[in-house]
Protein backbone atom coordinates (compact mmCIF):
# COMPACT_ATOMS: atom_id res chain seq x y z
CA UNK A 1 0.00 -0.01 0.02
CA UNK A 2 1.29 3.44 -0.86
CA UNK A 3 0.13 6.55 0.96
CA UNK A 4 0.56 9.85 -0.79
CA UNK A 5 1.17 13.10 1.06
CA UNK A 6 3.75 15.01 3.02
CA UNK A 7 5.74 12.91 5.55
CA UNK A 8 4.04 13.04 8.95
CA UNK A 9 0.78 14.40 7.46
CA UNK A 10 -1.08 11.15 8.00
CA UNK A 11 -1.42 8.44 10.58
CA UNK A 12 -1.68 4.76 9.82
CA UNK A 13 -3.56 2.84 12.48
CA UNK A 14 -3.60 -0.94 12.17
CA UNK A 15 -6.23 -2.93 13.99
CA UNK A 16 -6.36 -6.50 14.93
CA UNK A 17 -8.23 -8.34 17.63
CA UNK A 18 -6.59 -9.27 20.79
CA UNK A 19 -5.34 -12.92 20.84
CA UNK A 20 -7.80 -15.06 22.72
CA UNK A 21 -10.14 -17.99 22.52
CA UNK A 22 -11.47 -17.14 19.05
CA UNK A 23 -8.29 -15.77 17.46
CA UNK A 24 -4.67 -16.81 17.63
CA UNK A 25 -1.81 -15.25 15.64
CA UNK A 26 -0.07 -17.44 13.10
CA UNK A 27 3.67 -17.76 12.80
CA UNK A 28 5.45 -16.39 9.72
CA UNK A 29 5.76 -19.23 7.17
CA UNK A 30 3.29 -21.42 8.93
CA UNK A 31 1.38 -22.15 5.73
CA UNK A 32 4.32 -22.20 3.30
CA UNK A 33 4.05 -26.00 2.82
CA UNK A 34 0.36 -25.90 1.81
CA UNK A 35 -0.58 -26.74 -1.80
CA UNK A 36 -3.11 -24.40 -3.37
CA UNK A 37 -5.87 -26.19 -5.31
CA UNK A 38 -6.17 -25.25 -9.00
CA UNK A 39 -9.82 -24.20 -8.40
CA UNK A 40 -8.70 -21.21 -6.28
CA UNK A 41 -5.29 -20.35 -7.72
CA UNK A 42 -6.85 -17.55 -9.87
CA UNK A 43 -8.23 -15.77 -6.81
CA UNK A 44 -4.86 -14.66 -5.49
């Protein structure tokens, strides 16, 4: 994502839920070994 404007003229605020019973963060590369089915490869 690219944000246009003068440096410091904007604020980027990322939101994500707190880790808990319904949501757990994933580790980087956790899904690297998964094979993508041909039926959904065009969606990426």
